[in-house]
Every structure is written in C-alpha cells, then in structure tokens.
C-alpha cells in the first residue's frame, strides 16, 4: 500500500506521528473525502475483502465503499503509521428486525503506541483507546474515546459508549432519548472473518444494501447524500432536496459531488 497516495486521496496534510491528534485528523479527513457507498452491488461487481483490491478501488479509482471496505482499508493505513488496530465485529440495531447479526458491521479499536512495545494489550483499562469508524455513513466524524458513559458532542450530535454485560453499545442522542446504533465485544478478528456477511449484504434481498443505491459523505458543516434519485444536502441546519430526472443527471451528481465515475 502506498501510504502517500492514500493520504493524498483523503486530502490529509497533517502530522503522521501515531497520536490522538493524528487519529482525529485522519478520521475526519477520511469521512469528508471518501464516500460511504454501495454502488458496486447494483452494478453486479463483487466486493472481495482483499486489502490490495480495496486499495485499488478506494485510492486508485477514487471510489468509496461500505463498512468492510472503508474500515478494512483504514485499519491498514493506521497500522502503517504505527497505531495498534483491532478489528471488531459489531451487530447493528435495525428497525425492521429485533435480530442482531454477528459481523454485520466492522468497527475499529485503536490504541496509541506505548513506550514498551512488548506490553500486552489490556482493554480492562481502556482510557488510552479509541473507537474509530469511517464506514457507518452518517455517524461521528472523530473517534470516540473508549470510556463508558462519556458523552462526545460534535456537529450538533452527541454519542456515547455504554456497557451491557460483555458488550459495548454505541448510541446517539435523539429527541426521544438515546438510540442504539450497534453493539460489539472486544474479540479481535481478521478482515477475512467478515467475508460471509460481506457476501450476504451483496446478495440477500433482506440486506439494506440490495434495495437502494446510496452514496454519502460528510461536509464541514453537514452531509451530502445521493439516495437513489434524490440528492440531499444538509448543511448549517438547512436541508435541501432535489429529485434527479435521468441517469445522466445521476451520474453527473456522482462525479460532481463525490468524485465518483462509474
């Protein structure tokens, strides 16, 4: 992986030392530059969880991806810069079903390097660890400090991590109270462990990724989303929506707003 090309892809020009300032900068830059999108699925292009293939797609062809792709490659970038990264399996809360699926989402636990490189990772006292996630779409743009019940406010939203037995839960505060996004444990996983659910989300009619086209990325003061033929721009607290009239307009919107050329 060409780290310099990856950093150029996300327009990151900050420091590279494995510090929390670097992690925050990389996380935000990634969310603003690389869209969350599933466009290969309706096109019938198989998504294979191979780091080189992910690099060629996201960096080489200026595309985006969904969680397995975005967090899968982001983990490789962070590791190359000296961060300790653990891939975790998250189970997403979905309104249509009460069932939770293992490997439904890939999220990253990132630890800053310690003076003793031989020190064994100990997550019982994880104040020096951070939860990173550049692959969940409209979510936190900076990593969450891995401390239970600590509220993280940004861009008009508030997030927190809580404990439920052996599980951690990531939630967002809404008008009706805390809404759970996903839960996870601290069991480490390899990227290949997510291959089964990656295939499921590409092929199952019950997957949210086979029923619509989505492309979305963060803005400095909001978010821009192309959902099927609707272009939605939310910035500065103001929402604007445009219904595109043709496939030509759709592809022009992908190119102009997301840098994506199919």
Protein backbone atom coordinates (compact mmCIF):
# COMPACT_ATOMS: atom_id res chain seq x y z
CA UNK A 1 0.00 0.00 0.00
CA UNK A 2 1.27 3.42 -0.98
CA UNK A 3 0.64 5.44 2.20
CA UNK A 4 1.49 8.73 0.49
CA UNK A 5 -1.12 8.13 -2.22
CA UNK A 6 -3.70 7.16 0.42
CA UNK A 7 -3.08 10.38 2.36
CA UNK A 8 -3.36 12.35 -0.88
CA UNK A 9 -6.68 10.60 -1.60
CA UNK A 10 -8.15 11.87 1.69
CA UNK A 11 -6.50 15.31 1.34
CA UNK A 12 -4.62 14.87 4.61
CA UNK A 13 -1.51 17.02 5.11
CA UNK A 14 -1.16 16.92 8.90
CA UNK A 15 1.32 15.19 11.17
CA UNK A 16 1.89 11.43 10.90
CA UNK A 17 3.10 10.50 14.39
CA UNK A 18 0.70 7.97 15.97
CA UNK A 19 -1.01 10.43 18.33
CA UNK A 20 -4.65 11.18 19.05
CA UNK A 21 -4.31 14.44 17.09
CA UNK A 22 -3.23 12.44 14.03
CA UNK A 23 -6.02 9.89 14.52
CA UNK A 24 -8.64 12.63 14.79
CA UNK A 25 -7.32 14.37 11.68
CA UNK A 26 -7.20 11.19 9.61
CA UNK A 27 -10.67 10.10 10.74
CA UNK A 28 -12.27 13.43 9.83
CA UNK A 29 -10.40 13.70 6.53
CA UNK A 30 -11.49 10.18 5.56
CA UNK A 31 -15.15 10.89 6.36
CA UNK A 32 -15.12 14.06 4.25
CA UNK A 33 -13.20 12.68 1.26
CA UNK A 34 -14.23 9.03 0.86
CA UNK A 35 -17.96 8.39 0.42
CA UNK A 36 -19.95 5.67 2.08
CA UNK A 37 -21.45 3.92 -0.97
CA UNK A 38 -22.75 0.58 -2.23
CA UNK A 39 -22.71 1.28 -5.96
CA UNK A 40 -20.88 -1.92 -6.92
CA UNK A 41 -23.75 -4.02 -5.58
CA UNK A 42 -26.49 -2.88 -8.02
CA UNK A 43 -23.85 -2.95 -10.78
CA UNK A 44 -23.16 -6.62 -10.01
CA UNK A 45 -19.45 -6.07 -9.27
CA UNK A 46 -18.35 -8.47 -6.50
CA UNK A 47 -16.75 -6.90 -3.42
CA UNK A 48 -13.84 -9.02 -2.21
CA UNK A 49 -12.20 -8.34 1.15
CA UNK A 50 -8.62 -8.17 -0.01
CA UNK A 51 -6.57 -5.14 1.11
CA UNK A 52 -4.88 -4.70 -2.27
CA UNK A 53 -8.21 -4.78 -4.12
CA UNK A 54 -9.70 -2.35 -1.62
CA UNK A 55 -6.73 -0.04 -2.09
CA UNK A 56 -7.05 -0.15 -5.88
CA UNK A 57 -10.74 0.73 -5.63
CA UNK A 58 -10.71 3.43 -2.94
CA UNK A 59 -7.35 5.04 -3.65
CA UNK A 60 -6.59 4.03 -7.24
CA UNK A 61 -10.09 4.66 -8.64
CA UNK A 62 -11.26 7.31 -6.14
CA UNK A 63 -14.25 5.27 -5.09
CA UNK A 64 -15.86 4.71 -1.69
CA UNK A 65 -17.39 1.61 -0.18
CA UNK A 66 -19.31 0.25 2.77
CA UNK A 67 -18.04 -0.66 6.22
CA UNK A 68 -15.94 -3.72 5.39
CA UNK A 69 -14.13 -1.82 2.66
CA UNK A 70 -13.71 1.58 4.33
CA UNK A 71 -12.77 0.39 7.82
CA UNK A 72 -10.86 -2.54 6.37
CA UNK A 73 -8.53 -0.24 4.43
CA UNK A 74 -8.45 2.46 7.12
CA UNK A 75 -7.16 -0.17 9.55
CA UNK A 76 -4.27 -0.86 7.17
CA UNK A 77 -3.46 2.86 6.94
CA UNK A 78 -3.47 3.31 10.72
CA UNK A 79 -1.30 0.23 11.23
CA UNK A 80 1.23 1.51 8.69
CA UNK A 81 1.53 4.73 10.73
CA UNK A 82 2.20 2.92 14.00
CA UNK A 83 -1.24 2.69 15.60
CA UNK A 84 -2.39 -0.56 17.21
CA UNK A 85 -5.61 -1.55 15.49
CA UNK A 86 -8.07 -4.30 16.40
CA UNK A 87 -10.93 -5.19 14.04
CA UNK A 88 -14.16 -5.79 15.94
CA UNK A 89 -17.44 -7.38 14.89
CA UNK A 90 -20.46 -5.15 15.52
CA UNK A 91 -24.14 -6.07 15.42
CA UNK A 92 -26.38 -3.31 14.08
CA UNK A 93 -29.76 -2.45 15.58
CA UNK A 94 -32.23 -2.28 12.69
CA UNK A 95 -35.83 -1.03 13.00
CA UNK A 96 -37.19 -3.81 10.77
CA UNK A 97 -35.96 -6.69 12.94
CA UNK A 98 -35.03 -7.41 16.54
CA UNK A 99 -32.38 -9.92 15.45
CA UNK A 100 -28.74 -8.96 15.67
CA UNK A 101 -26.17 -10.46 13.29
CA UNK A 102 -22.52 -11.15 14.05
CA UNK A 103 -20.11 -9.50 11.58
CA UNK A 104 -22.93 -7.18 10.43
CA UNK A 105 -20.56 -4.23 10.76
CA UNK A 106 -16.79 -3.76 11.05
CA UNK A 107 -15.53 -1.23 13.59
CA UNK A 108 -12.00 -0.46 14.81
CA UNK A 109 -10.49 -0.22 18.26
CA UNK A 110 -7.36 1.93 18.02
CA UNK A 111 -4.71 2.18 20.71
CA UNK A 112 -1.87 4.65 20.74
CA UNK A 113 1.57 3.01 20.95
CA UNK A 114 3.07 2.73 24.42
CA UNK A 115 6.75 3.14 25.42
CA UNK A 116 7.05 -0.60 25.94
CA UNK A 117 6.26 -2.29 22.63
CA UNK A 118 6.18 -5.65 24.38
CA UNK A 119 3.28 -4.63 26.63
CA UNK A 120 0.28 -6.89 26.16
CA UNK A 121 -2.94 -5.11 25.18
CA UNK A 122 -5.22 -4.77 28.19
CA UNK A 123 -8.71 -3.47 27.49
CA UNK A 124 -9.84 -3.63 31.13
CA UNK A 125 -8.47 -0.10 31.50
CA UNK A 126 -9.02 1.33 28.03
CA UNK A 127 -8.88 5.08 28.61
CA UNK A 128 -5.98 5.23 26.13
CA UNK A 129 -8.02 3.52 23.39
CA UNK A 130 -10.38 4.99 20.83
CA UNK A 131 -13.25 3.66 18.72
CA UNK A 132 -12.82 4.55 15.04
CA UNK A 133 -15.46 4.07 12.37
CA UNK A 134 -15.29 5.65 8.90
CA UNK A 135 -17.75 3.14 7.44
CA UNK A 136 -21.15 3.69 9.06
CA UNK A 137 -22.36 6.60 6.99
CA UNK A 138 -23.96 9.43 8.99
CA UNK A 139 -22.11 8.97 12.28
CA UNK A 140 -19.33 10.51 14.35
CA UNK A 141 -16.58 12.12 12.28
CA UNK A 142 -13.93 11.92 15.02
CA UNK A 143 -13.03 8.80 17.02
CA UNK A 144 -14.77 8.17 20.34
CA UNK A 145 -12.66 7.86 23.46
CA UNK A 146 -13.14 4.31 24.69
CA UNK A 147 -14.62 5.10 28.09
CA UNK A 148 -18.06 4.01 29.25
CA UNK A 149 -20.76 6.70 29.58
CA UNK A 150 -18.52 9.50 28.33
CA UNK A 151 -20.54 11.77 26.02
CA UNK A 152 -18.94 13.00 22.80
CA UNK A 153 -20.59 16.01 21.15
CA UNK A 154 -19.82 17.17 17.63
CA UNK A 155 -21.61 18.84 14.73
CA UNK A 156 -24.90 19.02 16.64
CA UNK A 157 -24.97 15.34 17.67
CA UNK A 158 -23.98 13.54 20.88
CA UNK A 159 -22.62 9.99 21.02
CA UNK A 160 -21.63 7.67 23.85
CA UNK A 161 -20.41 4.15 24.60
CA UNK A 162 -22.08 2.09 27.33
CA UNK A 163 -21.57 -1.38 28.79
CA UNK A 164 -24.20 -4.13 28.67
CA UNK A 165 -22.62 -7.22 30.17
CA UNK A 166 -19.79 -8.32 27.89
CA UNK A 167 -20.96 -5.97 25.14
CA UNK A 168 -20.30 -2.33 24.39
CA UNK A 169 -23.06 -0.27 22.78
CA UNK A 170 -22.62 2.84 20.63
CA UNK A 171 -25.61 5.19 20.79
CA UNK A 172 -26.64 8.65 19.58
CA UNK A 173 -28.84 11.07 21.49
CA UNK A 174 -32.10 11.93 19.74
CA UNK A 175 -35.17 13.90 20.81
CA UNK A 176 -36.83 10.74 22.18
CA UNK A 177 -33.70 9.65 24.06
CA UNK A 178 -30.66 7.51 23.31
CA UNK A 179 -30.87 5.46 20.10
CA UNK A 180 -28.62 2.40 19.88
CA UNK A 181 -26.64 2.14 16.64
CA UNK A 182 -24.66 -1.06 17.23
CA UNK A 183 -23.16 -3.33 19.87
CA UNK A 184 -19.84 -5.20 19.88
CA UNK A 185 -17.44 -7.18 22.03
CA UNK A 186 -13.66 -6.86 22.21
CA UNK A 187 -12.91 -10.14 20.42
CA UNK A 188 -10.24 -9.44 17.75
CA UNK A 189 -10.96 -10.52 14.17
CA UNK A 190 -9.18 -10.74 10.84
CA UNK A 191 -10.60 -8.99 7.79
CA UNK A 192 -11.39 -12.40 6.27
CA UNK A 193 -13.78 -13.16 9.14
CA UNK A 194 -16.23 -10.65 7.68
CA UNK A 195 -16.35 -12.28 4.22
CA UNK A 196 -19.56 -14.22 4.87
CA UNK A 197 -21.61 -11.20 5.91
CA UNK A 198 -19.98 -9.12 3.18
CA UNK A 199 -21.36 -11.64 0.66
CA UNK A 200 -24.76 -11.62 2.41
CA UNK A 201 -25.04 -7.85 2.15
CA UNK A 202 -24.25 -8.02 -1.56
CA UNK A 203 -26.77 -10.73 -2.40
CA UNK A 204 -29.62 -11.04 0.12
CA UNK A 205 -32.93 -9.30 -0.67
CA UNK A 206 -33.16 -8.63 3.08
CA UNK A 207 -29.93 -6.64 3.08
CA UNK A 208 -30.36 -2.85 3.19
CA UNK A 209 -27.66 -2.61 0.52
CA UNK A 210 -29.50 -4.55 -2.21
CA UNK A 211 -32.66 -2.44 -2.17
CA UNK A 212 -31.29 1.02 -2.99
CA UNK A 213 -28.28 2.93 -4.27
CA UNK A 214 -26.56 5.13 -1.72
CA UNK A 215 -23.57 7.49 -1.81
CA UNK A 216 -22.89 9.83 1.09
CA UNK A 217 -20.07 11.79 2.67
CA UNK A 218 -19.57 14.32 5.44
CA UNK A 219 -19.26 18.05 4.79
CA UNK A 220 -17.55 20.57 7.04
CA UNK A 221 -20.96 21.64 8.32
CA UNK A 222 -23.28 18.79 7.37
CA UNK A 223 -23.64 15.91 4.92
CA UNK A 224 -24.42 15.31 1.25
CA UNK A 225 -26.23 12.14 0.18
CA UNK A 226 -27.39 10.65 -3.10
CA UNK A 227 -30.13 8.12 -2.26
CA UNK A 228 -31.43 6.54 -5.44
CA UNK A 229 -32.50 9.61 -7.44
CA UNK A 230 -32.69 12.03 -4.52
CA UNK A 231 -29.80 14.43 -3.92
CA UNK A 232 -29.97 15.61 -0.30
CA UNK A 233 -27.71 18.36 1.04
CA UNK A 234 -27.87 19.15 4.75
CA UNK A 235 -25.59 21.92 5.90
CA UNK A 236 -25.77 24.63 8.50
CA UNK A 237 -29.02 23.14 9.81
CA UNK A 238 -30.75 23.58 6.42
CA UNK A 239 -31.90 20.61 4.33
CA UNK A 240 -32.23 20.85 0.55
CA UNK A 241 -33.52 18.01 -1.61
CA UNK A 242 -33.55 17.61 -5.39
CA UNK A 243 -35.13 14.81 -7.39
CA UNK A 244 -32.89 13.91 -10.31
CA UNK A 245 -34.68 13.23 -13.59
CA UNK A 246 -32.36 10.92 -15.51
CA UNK A 247 -29.46 8.52 -15.23
CA UNK A 248 -27.28 11.19 -16.85
CA UNK A 249 -28.12 13.62 -14.04
CA UNK A 250 -27.48 10.87 -11.50
CA UNK A 251 -24.01 10.11 -12.84
CA UNK A 252 -23.20 13.81 -13.09
CA UNK A 253 -24.13 14.20 -9.41
CA UNK A 254 -21.86 11.30 -8.50
CA UNK A 255 -18.99 12.91 -10.40
CA UNK A 256 -19.50 16.49 -9.26
CA UNK A 257 -20.29 15.92 -5.57
CA UNK A 258 -18.40 12.70 -4.77
CA UNK A 259 -15.70 12.41 -7.41
CA UNK A 260 -17.08 9.02 -8.40
CA UNK A 261 -17.04 7.97 -12.05
CA UNK A 262 -18.61 4.59 -12.71
